[in-house]
Amino acid sequence: MSNLKKGLAITEKIWGFKRDDLIADNGELGEYILKYAFGDIYSRKGLSLRDREIITISFLIAQGCPESQLRNHFLGALNVGLTEDELIEIILQAPLYNGFPKAIIALKILKSISEDKDQQDG
């Protein structure tokens, strides 16, 4: 199986759909992300997808990453078995090493996901 196909299969496991939008939105860069990040790294046997999402979210918070990336990985984490309470615990751990401002931003993003979900359910 090609790395692109492996990458698409992994994204389907994480988000519930194949992230071919990465190619549509980013062209060759999106294809590289699918092949390398998901086809090579995320598909390795050493860690579960749940564990990989914990690590990814931690790194994204530490970087003060763009909202879209953190939002996507919060959604992926919820889809692979993490709970909102576990995500809050990750955020609460973040200020010890990364500072409170980055944790505040992460918490706001997670809360917006919960609010969006509540509006869809209501």
PDB file of N, CA and C in Angstrom:
ATOM      1  N   MET A   1       0.852  -1.177   0.000  1.00  0.00           N
ATOM      2  CA  MET A   1       0.000   0.000   0.000  1.00  0.00           C
ATOM      3  C   MET A   1       0.898   1.240   0.000  1.00  0.00           C
ATOM      4  N   SER A   2       0.571   2.218  -0.818  1.00  0.00           N
ATOM      5  CA  SER A   2       1.379   3.437  -0.888  1.00  0.00           C
ATOM      6  C   SER A   2       1.213   4.259   0.393  1.00  0.00           C
ATOM      7  N   ASN A   3       2.172   5.107   0.657  1.00  0.00           N
ATOM      8  CA  ASN A   3       2.089   5.959   1.840  1.00  0.00           C
ATOM      9  C   ASN A   3       0.892   6.902   1.777  1.00  0.00           C
ATOM     10  N   LEU A   4       0.525   7.329   0.566  1.00  0.00           N
ATOM     11  CA  LEU A   4      -0.649   8.179   0.430  1.00  0.00           C
ATOM     12  C   LEU A   4      -1.907   7.420   0.844  1.00  0.00           C
ATOM     13  N   LYS A   5      -2.055   6.185   0.380  1.00  0.00           N
ATOM     14  CA  LYS A   5      -3.223   5.381   0.763  1.00  0.00           C
ATOM     15  C   LYS A   5      -3.222   5.088   2.260  1.00  0.00           C
ATOM     16  N   LYS A   6      -2.039   4.781   2.822  1.00  0.00           N
ATOM     17  CA  LYS A   6      -1.940   4.559   4.272  1.00  0.00           C
ATOM     18  C   LYS A   6      -2.336   5.823   5.028  1.00  0.00           C
ATOM     19  N   GLY A   7      -1.845   6.969   4.547  1.00  0.00           N
ATOM     20  CA  GLY A   7      -2.169   8.239   5.196  1.00  0.00           C
ATOM     21  C   GLY A   7      -3.655   8.527   5.175  1.00  0.00           C
ATOM     22  N   LEU A   8      -4.294   8.300   4.038  1.00  0.00           N
ATOM     23  CA  LEU A   8      -5.740   8.509   3.940  1.00  0.00           C
ATOM     24  C   LEU A   8      -6.501   7.553   4.849  1.00  0.00           C
ATOM     25  N   ALA A   9      -6.038   6.306   4.952  1.00  0.00           N
ATOM     26  CA  ALA A   9      -6.688   5.324   5.830  1.00  0.00           C
ATOM     27  C   ALA A   9      -6.558   5.738   7.301  1.00  0.00           C
ATOM     28  N   ILE A  10      -5.393   6.240   7.681  1.00  0.00           N
ATOM     29  CA  ILE A  10      -5.192   6.684   9.072  1.00  0.00           C
ATOM     30  C   ILE A  10      -6.070   7.884   9.379  1.00  0.00           C
ATOM     31  N   THR A  11      -6.147   8.844   8.447  1.00  0.00           N
ATOM     32  CA  THR A  11      -6.993  10.017   8.713  1.00  0.00           C
ATOM     33  C   THR A  11      -8.456   9.616   8.847  1.00  0.00           C
ATOM     34  N   GLU A  12      -8.861   8.589   8.121  1.00  0.00           N
ATOM     35  CA  GLU A  12     -10.246   8.120   8.261  1.00  0.00           C
ATOM     36  C   GLU A  12     -10.475   7.539   9.656  1.00  0.00           C
ATOM     37  N   LYS A  13      -9.475   6.859  10.199  1.00  0.00           N
ATOM     38  CA  LYS A  13      -9.594   6.320  11.559  1.00  0.00           C
ATOM     39  C   LYS A  13      -9.647   7.445  12.594  1.00  0.00           C
ATOM     40  N   ILE A  14      -8.875   8.498  12.361  1.00  0.00           N
ATOM     41  CA  ILE A  14      -8.825   9.594  13.337  1.00  0.00           C
ATOM     42  C   ILE A  14     -10.064  10.475  13.249  1.00  0.00           C
ATOM     43  N   TRP A  15     -10.430  10.913  12.043  1.00  0.00           N
ATOM     44  CA  TRP A  15     -11.502  11.893  11.905  1.00  0.00           C
ATOM     45  C   TRP A  15     -12.821  11.311  11.410  1.00  0.00           C
ATOM     46  N   GLY A  16     -12.820  10.046  11.015  1.00  0.00           N
ATOM     47  CA  GLY A  16     -14.057   9.449  10.525  1.00  0.00           C
ATOM     48  C   GLY A  16     -14.271   9.669   9.037  1.00  0.00           C
ATOM     49  N   PHE A  17     -13.334  10.327   8.364  1.00  0.00           N
ATOM     50  CA  PHE A  17     -13.386  10.502   6.912  1.00  0.00           C
ATOM     51  C   PHE A  17     -11.958  10.705   6.412  1.00  0.00           C
ATOM     52  N   LYS A  18     -11.750  10.357   5.150  1.00  0.00           N
ATOM     53  CA  LYS A  18     -10.424  10.511   4.551  1.00  0.00           C
ATOM     54  C   LYS A  18     -10.156  11.990   4.333  1.00  0.00           C
ATOM     55  N   ARG A  19      -9.016  12.457   4.805  1.00  0.00           N
ATOM     56  CA  ARG A  19      -8.678  13.884   4.736  1.00  0.00           C
ATOM     57  C   ARG A  19      -8.066  14.262   3.398  1.00  0.00           C
ATOM     58  N   ASP A  20      -8.729  13.882   2.296  1.00  0.00           N
ATOM     59  CA  ASP A  20      -8.241  14.284   0.990  1.00  0.00           C
ATOM     60  C   ASP A  20      -8.397  15.792   0.772  1.00  0.00           C
ATOM     61  N   ASP A  21      -9.124  16.462   1.674  1.00  0.00           N
ATOM     62  CA  ASP A  21      -9.206  17.918   1.637  1.00  0.00           C
ATOM     63  C   ASP A  21      -7.834  18.558   1.845  1.00  0.00           C
ATOM     64  N   LEU A  22      -6.923  17.830   2.493  1.00  0.00           N
ATOM     65  CA  LEU A  22      -5.575  18.358   2.671  1.00  0.00           C
ATOM     66  C   LEU A  22      -4.897  18.594   1.326  1.00  0.00           C
ATOM     67  N   ILE A  23      -5.146  17.703   0.375  1.00  0.00           N
ATOM     68  CA  ILE A  23      -4.579  17.874  -0.965  1.00  0.00           C
ATOM     69  C   ILE A  23      -5.339  18.970  -1.708  1.00  0.00           C
ATOM     70  N   ALA A  24      -6.661  18.946  -1.605  1.00  0.00           N
ATOM     71  CA  ALA A  24      -7.472  19.950  -2.299  1.00  0.00           C
ATOM     72  C   ALA A  24      -7.119  21.361  -1.824  1.00  0.00           C
ATOM     73  N   ASP A  25      -6.878  21.519  -0.534  1.00  0.00           N
ATOM     74  CA  ASP A  25      -6.598  22.837   0.034  1.00  0.00           C
ATOM     75  C   ASP A  25      -5.136  23.249  -0.081  1.00  0.00           C
ATOM     76  N   ASN A  26      -4.219  22.266  -0.092  1.00  0.00           N
ATOM     77  CA  ASN A  26      -2.789  22.583   0.005  1.00  0.00           C
ATOM     78  C   ASN A  26      -1.930  22.006  -1.104  1.00  0.00           C
ATOM     79  N   GLY A  27      -2.529  21.323  -2.050  1.00  0.00           N
ATOM     80  CA  GLY A  27      -1.780  20.775  -3.180  1.00  0.00           C
ATOM     81  C   GLY A  27      -0.693  19.798  -2.752  1.00  0.00           C
ATOM     82  N   GLU A  28       0.490  20.008  -3.296  1.00  0.00           N
ATOM     83  CA  GLU A  28       1.612  19.108  -3.036  1.00  0.00           C
ATOM     84  C   GLU A  28       1.974  19.046  -1.554  1.00  0.00           C
ATOM     85  N   LEU A  29       1.853  20.166  -0.847  1.00  0.00           N
ATOM     86  CA  LEU A  29       2.126  20.170   0.596  1.00  0.00           C
ATOM     87  C   LEU A  29       1.156  19.241   1.327  1.00  0.00           C
ATOM     88  N   GLY A  30      -0.123  19.281   0.962  1.00  0.00           N
ATOM     89  CA  GLY A  30      -1.115  18.402   1.572  1.00  0.00           C
ATOM     90  C   GLY A  30      -0.821  16.935   1.297  1.00  0.00           C
ATOM     91  N   GLU A  31      -0.370  16.653   0.080  1.00  0.00           N
ATOM     92  CA  GLU A  31      -0.007  15.280  -0.257  1.00  0.00           C
ATOM     93  C   GLU A  31       1.184  14.825   0.591  1.00  0.00           C
ATOM     94  N   TYR A  32       2.151  15.694   0.763  1.00  0.00           N
ATOM     95  CA  TYR A  32       3.318  15.376   1.592  1.00  0.00           C
ATOM     96  C   TYR A  32       2.905  15.112   3.042  1.00  0.00           C
ATOM     97  N   ILE A  33       1.998  15.926   3.568  1.00  0.00           N
ATOM     98  CA  ILE A  33       1.499  15.727   4.937  1.00  0.00           C
ATOM     99  C   ILE A  33       0.861  14.339   5.055  1.00  0.00           C
ATOM    100  N   LEU A  34       0.015  13.998   4.096  1.00  0.00           N
ATOM    101  CA  LEU A  34      -0.648  12.690   4.138  1.00  0.00           C
ATOM    102  C   LEU A  34       0.359  11.546   4.050  1.00  0.00           C
ATOM    103  N   LYS A  35       1.337  11.676   3.141  1.00  0.00           N
ATOM    104  CA  LYS A  35       2.317  10.608   2.951  1.00  0.00           C
ATOM    105  C   LYS A  35       3.240  10.473   4.154  1.00  0.00           C
ATOM    106  N   TYR A  36       3.788  11.583   4.619  1.00  0.00           N
ATOM    107  CA  TYR A  36       4.795  11.520   5.679  1.00  0.00           C
ATOM    108  C   TYR A  36       4.171  11.474   7.071  1.00  0.00           C
ATOM    109  N   ALA A  37       3.392  12.503   7.410  1.00  0.00           N
ATOM    110  CA  ALA A  37       2.853  12.574   8.774  1.00  0.00           C
ATOM    111  C   ALA A  37       1.951  11.381   9.086  1.00  0.00           C
ATOM    112  N   PHE A  38       1.033  11.087   8.173  1.00  0.00           N
ATOM    113  CA  PHE A  38       0.062  10.038   8.464  1.00  0.00           C
ATOM    114  C   PHE A  38       0.462   8.681   7.884  1.00  0.00           C
ATOM    115  N   GLY A  39       1.010   8.666   6.669  1.00  0.00           N
ATOM    116  CA  GLY A  39       1.410   7.403   6.052  1.00  0.00           C
ATOM    117  C   GLY A  39       2.640   6.779   6.685  1.00  0.00           C
ATOM    118  N   ASP A  40       3.625   7.609   7.075  1.00  0.00           N
ATOM    119  CA  ASP A  40       4.860   7.104   7.693  1.00  0.00           C
ATOM    120  C   ASP A  40       4.795   7.084   9.222  1.00  0.00           C
ATOM    121  N   ILE A  41       4.439   8.213   9.821  1.00  0.00           N
ATOM    122  CA  ILE A  41       4.568   8.360  11.276  1.00  0.00           C
ATOM    123  C   ILE A  41       3.330   7.848  12.026  1.00  0.00           C
ATOM    124  N   TYR A  42       2.162   8.381  11.724  1.00  0.00           N
ATOM    125  CA  TYR A  42       0.954   7.974  12.457  1.00  0.00           C
ATOM    126  C   TYR A  42       0.636   6.494  12.265  1.00  0.00           C
ATOM    127  N   SER A  43       1.081   5.900  11.183  1.00  0.00           N
ATOM    128  CA  SER A  43       0.747   4.497  10.908  1.00  0.00           C
ATOM    129  C   SER A  43       1.713   3.518  11.595  1.00  0.00           C
ATOM    130  N   ARG A  44       2.736   4.025  12.274  1.00  0.00           N
ATOM    131  CA  ARG A  44       3.675   3.142  12.973  1.00  0.00           C
ATOM    132  C   ARG A  44       2.963   2.391  14.096  1.00  0.00           C
ATOM    133  N   LYS A  45       3.476   1.245  14.446  1.00  0.00           N
ATOM    134  CA  LYS A  45       2.839   0.365  15.441  1.00  0.00           C
ATOM    135  C   LYS A  45       3.146   0.744  16.898  1.00  0.00           C
ATOM    136  N   GLY A  46       4.145   1.589  17.148  1.00  0.00           N
ATOM    137  CA  GLY A  46       4.627   1.829  18.505  1.00  0.00           C
ATOM    138  C   GLY A  46       3.659   2.506  19.467  1.00  0.00           C
ATOM    139  N   LEU A  47       2.728   3.300  18.951  1.00  0.00           N
ATOM    140  CA  LEU A  47       1.762   4.019  19.788  1.00  0.00           C
ATOM    141  C   LEU A  47       0.376   3.903  19.165  1.00  0.00           C
ATOM    142  N   SER A  48      -0.639   3.962  20.004  1.00  0.00           N
ATOM    143  CA  SER A  48      -2.011   3.977  19.495  1.00  0.00           C
ATOM    144  C   SER A  48      -2.319   5.356  18.911  1.00  0.00           C
ATOM    145  N   LEU A  49      -3.364   5.448  18.112  1.00  0.00           N
ATOM    146  CA  LEU A  49      -3.787   6.744  17.599  1.00  0.00           C
ATOM    147  C   LEU A  49      -4.198   7.669  18.734  1.00  0.00           C
ATOM    148  N   ARG A  50      -4.782   7.094  19.782  1.00  0.00           N
ATOM    149  CA  ARG A  50      -5.153   7.871  20.964  1.00  0.00           C
ATOM    150  C   ARG A  50      -3.914   8.519  21.578  1.00  0.00           C
ATOM    151  N   ASP A  51      -2.860   7.721  21.754  1.00  0.00           N
ATOM    152  CA  ASP A  51      -1.619   8.250  22.323  1.00  0.00           C
ATOM    153  C   ASP A  51      -1.002   9.299  21.399  1.00  0.00           C
ATOM    154  N   ARG A  52      -1.044   9.055  20.112  1.00  0.00           N
ATOM    155  CA  ARG A  52      -0.474  10.016  19.162  1.00  0.00           C
ATOM    156  C   ARG A  52      -1.230  11.347  19.202  1.00  0.00           C
ATOM    157  N   GLU A  53      -2.535  11.294  19.388  1.00  0.00           N
ATOM    158  CA  GLU A  53      -3.304  12.538  19.491  1.00  0.00           C
ATOM    159  C   GLU A  53      -2.967  13.284  20.787  1.00  0.00           C
ATOM    160  N   ILE A  54      -2.753  12.570  21.886  1.00  0.00           N
ATOM    161  CA  ILE A  54      -2.332  13.226  23.133  1.00  0.00           C
ATOM    162  C   ILE A  54      -1.020  13.978  22.899  1.00  0.00           C
ATOM    163  N   ILE A  55      -0.078  13.317  22.264  1.00  0.00           N
ATOM    164  CA  ILE A  55       1.231  13.927  21.997  1.00  0.00           C
ATOM    165  C   ILE A  55       1.078  15.122  21.057  1.00  0.00           C
ATOM    166  N   THR A  56       0.316  14.943  20.001  1.00  0.00           N
ATOM    167  CA  THR A  56       0.134  16.022  19.022  1.00  0.00           C
ATOM    168  C   THR A  56      -0.505  17.236  19.664  1.00  0.00           C
ATOM    169  N   ILE A  57      -1.543  17.030  20.447  1.00  0.00           N
ATOM    170  CA  ILE A  57      -2.212  18.141  21.123  1.00  0.00           C
ATOM    171  C   ILE A  57      -1.247  18.848  22.072  1.00  0.00           C
ATOM    172  N   SER A  58      -0.457  18.086  22.795  1.00  0.00           N
ATOM    173  CA  SER A  58       0.524  18.690  23.710  1.00  0.00           C
ATOM    174  C   SER A  58       1.507  19.568  22.952  1.00  0.00           C
ATOM    175  N   PHE A  59       2.017  19.060  21.830  1.00  0.00           N
ATOM    176  CA  PHE A  59       2.958  19.846  21.013  1.00  0.00           C
ATOM    177  C   PHE A  59       2.287  21.090  20.431  1.00  0.00           C
ATOM    178  N   LEU A  60       1.063  20.940  19.961  1.00  0.00           N
ATOM    179  CA  LEU A  60       0.365  22.080  19.378  1.00  0.00           C
ATOM    180  C   LEU A  60       0.122  23.171  20.411  1.00  0.00           C
ATOM    181  N   ILE A  61      -0.267  22.787  21.620  1.00  0.00           N
ATOM    182  CA  ILE A  61      -0.439  23.776  22.691  1.00  0.00           C
ATOM    183  C   ILE A  61       0.895  24.459  22.971  1.00  0.00           C
ATOM    184  N   ALA A  62       1.963  23.678  23.058  1.00  0.00           N
ATOM    185  CA  ALA A  62       3.288  24.233  23.352  1.00  0.00           C
ATOM    186  C   ALA A  62       3.720  25.242  22.297  1.00  0.00           C
ATOM    187  N   GLN A  63       3.363  24.993  21.050  1.00  0.00           N
ATOM    188  CA  GLN A  63       3.750  25.891  19.963  1.00  0.00           C
ATOM    189  C   GLN A  63       2.868  27.128  19.879  1.00  0.00           C
ATOM    190  N   GLY A  64       1.732  27.117  20.586  1.00  0.00           N
ATOM    191  CA  GLY A  64       0.782  28.207  20.421  1.00  0.00           C
ATOM    192  C   GLY A  64       0.234  28.210  19.004  1.00  0.00           C
ATOM    193  N   CYS A  65      -0.108  27.017  18.545  1.00  0.00           N
ATOM    194  CA  CYS A  65      -0.437  26.778  17.139  1.00  0.00           C
ATOM    195  C   CYS A  65      -1.711  27.488  16.709  1.00  0.00           C
ATOM    196  N   PRO A  66      -1.920  27.519  15.391  1.00  0.00           N
ATOM    197  CA  PRO A  66      -3.166  28.097  14.879  1.00  0.00           C
ATOM    198  C   PRO A  66      -4.381  27.325  15.399  1.00  0.00           C
ATOM    199  N   GLU A  67      -5.455  28.052  15.587  1.00  0.00           N
ATOM    200  CA  GLU A  67      -6.681  27.455  16.121  1.00  0.00           C
ATOM    201  C   GLU A  67      -7.152  26.273  15.296  1.00  0.00           C
ATOM    202  N   SER A  68      -7.052  26.366  13.970  1.00  0.00           N
ATOM    203  CA  SER A  68      -7.580  25.298  13.115  1.00  0.00           C
ATOM    204  C   SER A  68      -6.880  23.970  13.377  1.00  0.00           C
ATOM    205  N   GLN A  69      -5.577  23.991  13.601  1.00  0.00           N
ATOM    206  CA  GLN A  69      -4.843  22.754  13.856  1.00  0.00           C
ATOM    207  C   GLN A  69      -5.255  22.137  15.181  1.00  0.00           C
ATOM    208  N   LEU A  70      -5.337  22.953  16.227  1.00  0.00           N
ATOM    209  CA  LEU A  70      -5.715  22.423  17.537  1.00  0.00           C
ATOM    210  C   LEU A  70      -7.160  21.930  17.523  1.00  0.00           C
ATOM    211  N   ARG A  71      -8.029  22.681  16.886  1.00  0.00           N
ATOM    212  CA  ARG A  71      -9.440  22.270  16.773  1.00  0.00           C
ATOM    213  C   ARG A  71      -9.535  20.914  16.065  1.00  0.00           C
ATOM    214  N   ASN A  72      -8.832  20.761  14.943  1.00  0.00           N
ATOM    215  CA  ASN A  72      -8.864  19.498  14.201  1.00  0.00           C
ATOM    216  C   ASN A  72      -8.383  18.333  15.061  1.00  0.00           C
ATOM    217  N   HIS A  73      -7.306  18.548  15.799  1.00  0.00           N
ATOM    218  CA  HIS A  73      -6.774  17.446  16.596  1.00  0.00           C
ATOM    219  C   HIS A  73      -7.587  17.196  17.859  1.00  0.00           C
ATOM    220  N   PHE A  74      -8.258  18.205  18.403  1.00  0.00           N
ATOM    221  CA  PHE A  74      -9.220  17.942  19.482  1.00  0.00           C
ATOM    222  C   PHE A  74     -10.340  17.040  18.949  1.00  0.00           C
ATOM    223  N   LEU A  75     -10.862  17.365  17.769  1.00  0.00           N
ATOM    224  CA  LEU A  75     -11.920  16.539  17.176  1.00  0.00           C
ATOM    225  C   LEU A  75     -11.431  15.124  16.892  1.00  0.00           C
ATOM    226  N   GLY A  76     -10.218  15.009  16.370  1.00  0.00           N
ATOM    227  CA  GLY A  76      -9.649  13.688  16.132  1.00  0.00           C
ATOM    228  C   GLY A  76      -9.467  12.912  17.425  1.00  0.00           C
ATOM    229  N   ALA A  77      -9.000  13.589  18.465  1.00  0.00           N
ATOM    230  CA  ALA A  77      -8.789  12.936  19.764  1.00  0.00           C
ATOM    231  C   ALA A  77     -10.107  12.414  20.328  1.00  0.00           C
ATOM    232  N   LEU A  78     -11.146  13.208  20.222  1.00  0.00           N
ATOM    233  CA  LEU A  78     -12.461  12.756  20.694  1.00  0.00           C
ATOM    234  C   LEU A  78     -12.925  11.547  19.893  1.00  0.00           C
ATOM    235  N   ASN A  79     -12.624  11.529  18.612  1.00  0.00           N
ATOM    236  CA  ASN A  79     -13.039  10.426  17.748  1.00  0.00           C
ATOM    237  C   ASN A  79     -12.275   9.133  18.019  1.00  0.00           C
ATOM    238  N   VAL A  80     -11.022   9.234  18.519  1.00  0.00           N
ATOM    239  CA  VAL A  80     -10.244   8.019  18.796  1.00  0.00           C
ATOM    240  C   VAL A  80     -10.292   7.618  20.267  1.00  0.00           C
ATOM    241  N   GLY A  81     -11.212   8.205  21.032  1.00  0.00           N
ATOM    242  CA  GLY A  81     -11.460   7.692  22.371  1.00  0.00           C
ATOM    243  C   GLY A  81     -11.124   8.582  23.551  1.00  0.00           C
ATOM    244  N   LEU A  82     -10.517   9.723  23.318  1.00  0.00           N
ATOM    245  CA  LEU A  82     -10.282  10.624  24.447  1.00  0.00           C
ATOM    246  C   LEU A  82     -11.593  11.298  24.826  1.00  0.00           C
ATOM    247  N   THR A  83     -11.740  11.621  26.088  1.00  0.00           N
ATOM    248  CA  THR A  83     -12.925  12.334  26.549  1.00  0.00           C
ATOM    249  C   THR A  83     -12.593  13.815  26.686  1.00  0.00           C
ATOM    250  N   GLU A  84     -13.621  14.626  26.773  1.00  0.00           N
ATOM    251  CA  GLU A  84     -13.414  16.053  26.990  1.00  0.00           C
ATOM    252  C   GLU A  84     -12.678  16.285  28.311  1.00  0.00           C
ATOM    253  N   ASP A  85     -13.020  15.514  29.335  1.00  0.00           N
ATOM    254  CA  ASP A  85     -12.331  15.650  30.627  1.00  0.00           C
ATOM    255  C   ASP A  85     -10.842  15.341  30.501  1.00  0.00           C
ATOM    256  N   GLU A  86     -10.479  14.346  29.700  1.00  0.00           N
ATOM    257  CA  GLU A  86      -9.059  14.037  29.496  1.00  0.00           C
ATOM    258  C   GLU A  86      -8.362  15.167  28.740  1.00  0.00           C
ATOM    259  N   LEU A  87      -9.052  15.765  27.774  1.00  0.00           N
ATOM    260  CA  LEU A  87      -8.468  16.893  27.048  1.00  0.00           C
ATOM    261  C   LEU A  87      -8.256  18.090  27.978  1.00  0.00           C
ATOM    262  N   ILE A  88      -9.196  18.297  28.888  1.00  0.00           N
ATOM    263  CA  ILE A  88      -9.031  19.371  29.872  1.00  0.00           C
ATOM    264  C   ILE A  88      -7.808  19.098  30.747  1.00  0.00           C
ATOM    265  N   GLU A  89      -7.591  17.847  31.123  1.00  0.00           N
ATOM    266  CA  GLU A  89      -6.409  17.504  31.930  1.00  0.00           C
ATOM    267  C   GLU A  89      -5.114  17.801  31.169  1.00  0.00           C
ATOM    268  N   ILE A  90      -5.102  17.522  29.880  1.00  0.00           N
ATOM    269  CA  ILE A  90      -3.931  17.862  29.066  1.00  0.00           C
ATOM    270  C   ILE A  90      -3.706  19.370  29.091  1.00  0.00           C
ATOM    271  N   ILE A  91      -4.782  20.123  28.925  1.00  0.00           N
ATOM    272  CA  ILE A  91      -4.681  21.586  28.940  1.00  0.00           C
ATOM    273  C   ILE A  91      -4.205  22.085  30.301  1.00  0.00           C
ATOM    274  N   LEU A  92      -4.693  21.474  31.386  1.00  0.00           N
ATOM    275  CA  LEU A  92      -4.284  21.891  32.733  1.00  0.00           C
ATOM    276  C   LEU A  92      -2.807  21.602  32.995  1.00  0.00           C
ATOM    277  N   GLN A  93      -2.266  20.601  32.337  1.00  0.00           N
ATOM    278  CA  GLN A  93      -0.846  20.264  32.476  1.00  0.00           C
ATOM    279  C   GLN A  93       0.035  21.260  31.716  1.00  0.00           C
ATOM    280  N   ALA A  94      -0.490  21.825  30.652  1.00  0.00           N
ATOM    281  CA  ALA A  94       0.291  22.674  29.744  1.00  0.00           C
ATOM    282  C   ALA A  94       0.950  23.883  30.410  1.00  0.00           C
ATOM    283  N   PRO A  95       0.291  24.615  31.299  1.00  0.00           N
ATOM    284  CA  PRO A  95       0.928  25.821  31.846  1.00  0.00           C
ATOM    285  C   PRO A  95       2.212  25.547  32.624  1.00  0.00           C
ATOM    286  N   LEU A  96       2.374  24.334  33.129  1.00  0.00           N
ATOM    287  CA  LEU A  96       3.588  24.015  33.880  1.00  0.00           C
ATOM    288  C   LEU A  96       4.834  24.166  33.025  1.00  0.00           C
ATOM    289  N   TYR A  97       4.696  23.907  31.730  1.00  0.00           N
ATOM    290  CA  TYR A  97       5.847  23.916  30.834  1.00  0.00           C
ATOM    291  C   TYR A  97       5.755  24.951  29.720  1.00  0.00           C
ATOM    292  N   ASN A  98       4.542  25.427  29.441  1.00  0.00           N
ATOM    293  CA  ASN A  98       4.338  26.298  28.280  1.00  0.00           C
ATOM    294  C   ASN A  98       3.725  27.649  28.610  1.00  0.00           C
ATOM    295  N   GLY A  99       3.282  27.849  29.819  1.00  0.00           N
ATOM    296  CA  GLY A  99       2.676  29.116  30.196  1.00  0.00           C
ATOM    297  C   GLY A  99       1.159  29.102  30.117  1.00  0.00           C
ATOM    298  N   PHE A 100       0.582  29.983  30.907  1.00  0.00           N
ATOM    299  CA  PHE A 100      -0.874  30.057  30.990  1.00  0.00           C
ATOM    300  C   PHE A 100      -1.544  30.582  29.719  1.00  0.00           C
ATOM    301  N   PRO A 101      -0.967  31.567  29.023  1.00  0.00           N
ATOM    302  CA  PRO A 101      -1.665  32.071  27.829  1.00  0.00           C
ATOM    303  C   PRO A 101      -1.971  30.987  26.795  1.00  0.00           C
ATOM    304  N   LYS A 102      -1.045  30.081  26.554  1.00  0.00           N
ATOM    305  CA  LYS A 102      -1.284  29.015  25.571  1.00  0.00           C
ATOM    306  C   LYS A 102      -2.368  28.054  26.059  1.00  0.00           C
ATOM    307  N   ALA A 103      -2.393  27.789  27.354  1.00  0.00           N
ATOM    308  CA  ALA A 103      -3.425  26.916  27.908  1.00  0.00           C
ATOM    309  C   ALA A 103      -4.797  27.576  27.829  1.00  0.00           C
ATOM    310  N   ILE A 104      -4.857  28.868  28.061  1.00  0.00           N
ATOM    311  CA  ILE A 104      -6.124  29.593  27.980  1.00  0.00           C
ATOM    312  C   ILE A 104      -6.684  29.516  26.566  1.00  0.00           C
ATOM    313  N   ILE A 105      -5.829  29.721  25.586  1.00  0.00           N
ATOM    314  CA  ILE A 105      -6.262  29.635  24.183  1.00  0.00           C
ATOM    315  C   ILE A 105      -6.779  28.230  23.870  1.00  0.00           C
ATOM    316  N   ALA A 106      -6.033  27.206  24.303  1.00  0.00           N
ATOM    317  CA  ALA A 106      -6.451  25.821  24.058  1.00  0.00           C
ATOM    318  C   ALA A 106      -7.800  25.532  24.697  1.00  0.00           C
ATOM    319  N   LEU A 107      -8.008  26.004  25.919  1.00  0.00           N
ATOM    320  CA  LEU A 107      -9.276  25.770  26.606  1.00  0.00           C
ATOM    321  C   LEU A 107     -10.429  26.463  25.873  1.00  0.00           C
ATOM    322  N   LYS A 108     -10.190  27.660  25.379  1.00  0.00           N
ATOM    323  CA  LYS A 108     -11.235  28.365  24.621  1.00  0.00           C
ATOM    324  C   LYS A 108     -11.619  27.581  23.366  1.00  0.00           C
ATOM    325  N   ILE A 109     -10.617  27.026  22.697  1.00  0.00           N
ATOM    326  CA  ILE A 109     -10.892  26.240  21.486  1.00  0.00           C
ATOM    327  C   ILE A 109     -11.700  25.000  21.834  1.00  0.00           C
ATOM    328  N   LEU A 110     -11.306  24.293  22.894  1.00  0.00           N
ATOM    329  CA  LEU A 110     -12.044  23.095  23.305  1.00  0.00           C
ATOM    330  C   LEU A 110     -13.477  23.462  23.699  1.00  0.00           C
ATOM    331  N   LYS A 111     -13.648  24.555  24.438  1.00  0.00           N
ATOM    332  CA  LYS A 111     -14.993  24.982  24.833  1.00  0.00           C
ATOM    333  C   LYS A 111     -15.843  25.315  23.615  1.00  0.00           C
ATOM    334  N   SER A 112     -15.232  25.911  22.586  1.00  0.00           N
ATOM    335  CA  SER A 112     -16.006  26.251  21.384  1.00  0.00           C
ATOM    336  C   SER A 112     -16.496  24.985  20.681  1.00  0.00           C
ATOM    337  N   ILE A 113     -15.698  23.923  20.731  1.00  0.00           N
ATOM    338  CA  ILE A 113     -16.127  22.644  20.158  1.00  0.00           C
ATOM    339  C   ILE A 113     -17.323  22.110  20.927  1.00  0.00           C
ATOM    340  N   SER A 114     -17.258  22.180  22.255  1.00  0.00           N
ATOM    341  CA  SER A 114     -18.367  21.713  23.089  1.00  0.00           C
ATOM    342  C   SER A 114     -19.627  22.531  22.834  1.00  0.00           C
ATOM    343  N   GLU A 115     -19.468  23.852  22.693  1.00  0.00           N
ATOM    344  CA  GLU A 115     -20.618  24.713  22.416  1.00  0.00           C
ATOM    345  C   GLU A 115     -21.214  24.397  21.056  1.00  0.00           C
ATOM    346  N   ASP A 116     -20.354  24.182  20.064  1.00  0.00           N
ATOM    347  CA  ASP A 116     -20.846  23.813  18.727  1.00  0.00           C
ATOM    348  C   ASP A 116     -21.626  22.511  18.788  1.00  0.00           C
ATOM    349  N   LYS A 117     -21.101  21.547  19.537  1.00  0.00           N
ATOM    350  CA  LYS A 117     -21.767  20.251  19.652  1.00  0.00           C
ATOM    351  C   LYS A 117     -23.110  20.398  20.367  1.00  0.00           C
ATOM    352  N   ASP A 118     -23.143  21.209  21.436  1.00  0.00           N
ATOM    353  CA  ASP A 118     -24.389  21.433  22.166  1.00  0.00           C
ATOM    354  C   ASP A 118     -25.441  22.075  21.265  1.00  0.00           C
ATOM    355  N   GLN A 119     -25.025  22.998  20.412  1.00  0.00           N
ATOM    356  CA  GLN A 119     -25.966  23.654  19.503  1.00  0.00           C
ATOM    357  C   GLN A 119     -26.498  22.668  18.464  1.00  0.00           C
ATOM    358  N   GLN A 120     -25.634  21.741  18.010  1.00  0.00           N
ATOM    359  CA  GLN A 120     -26.068  20.750  17.034  1.00  0.00           C
ATOM    360  C   GLN A 120     -27.024  19.747  17.672  1.00  0.00           C
ATOM    361  N   ASP A 121     -26.759  19.398  18.951  1.00  0.00           N
ATOM    362  CA  ASP A 121     -27.613  18.443  19.647  1.00  0.00           C
ATOM    363  C   ASP A 121     -28.940  19.055  20.076  1.00  0.00           C
ATOM    364  N   GLY A 122     -28.952  20.357  20.275  1.00  0.00           N
ATOM    365  CA  GLY A 122     -30.124  21.041  20.818  1.00  0.00           C
ATOM    366  C   GLY A 122     -31.096  21.430  19.818  1.00  0.00           C
TER     367      GLY A 122
END
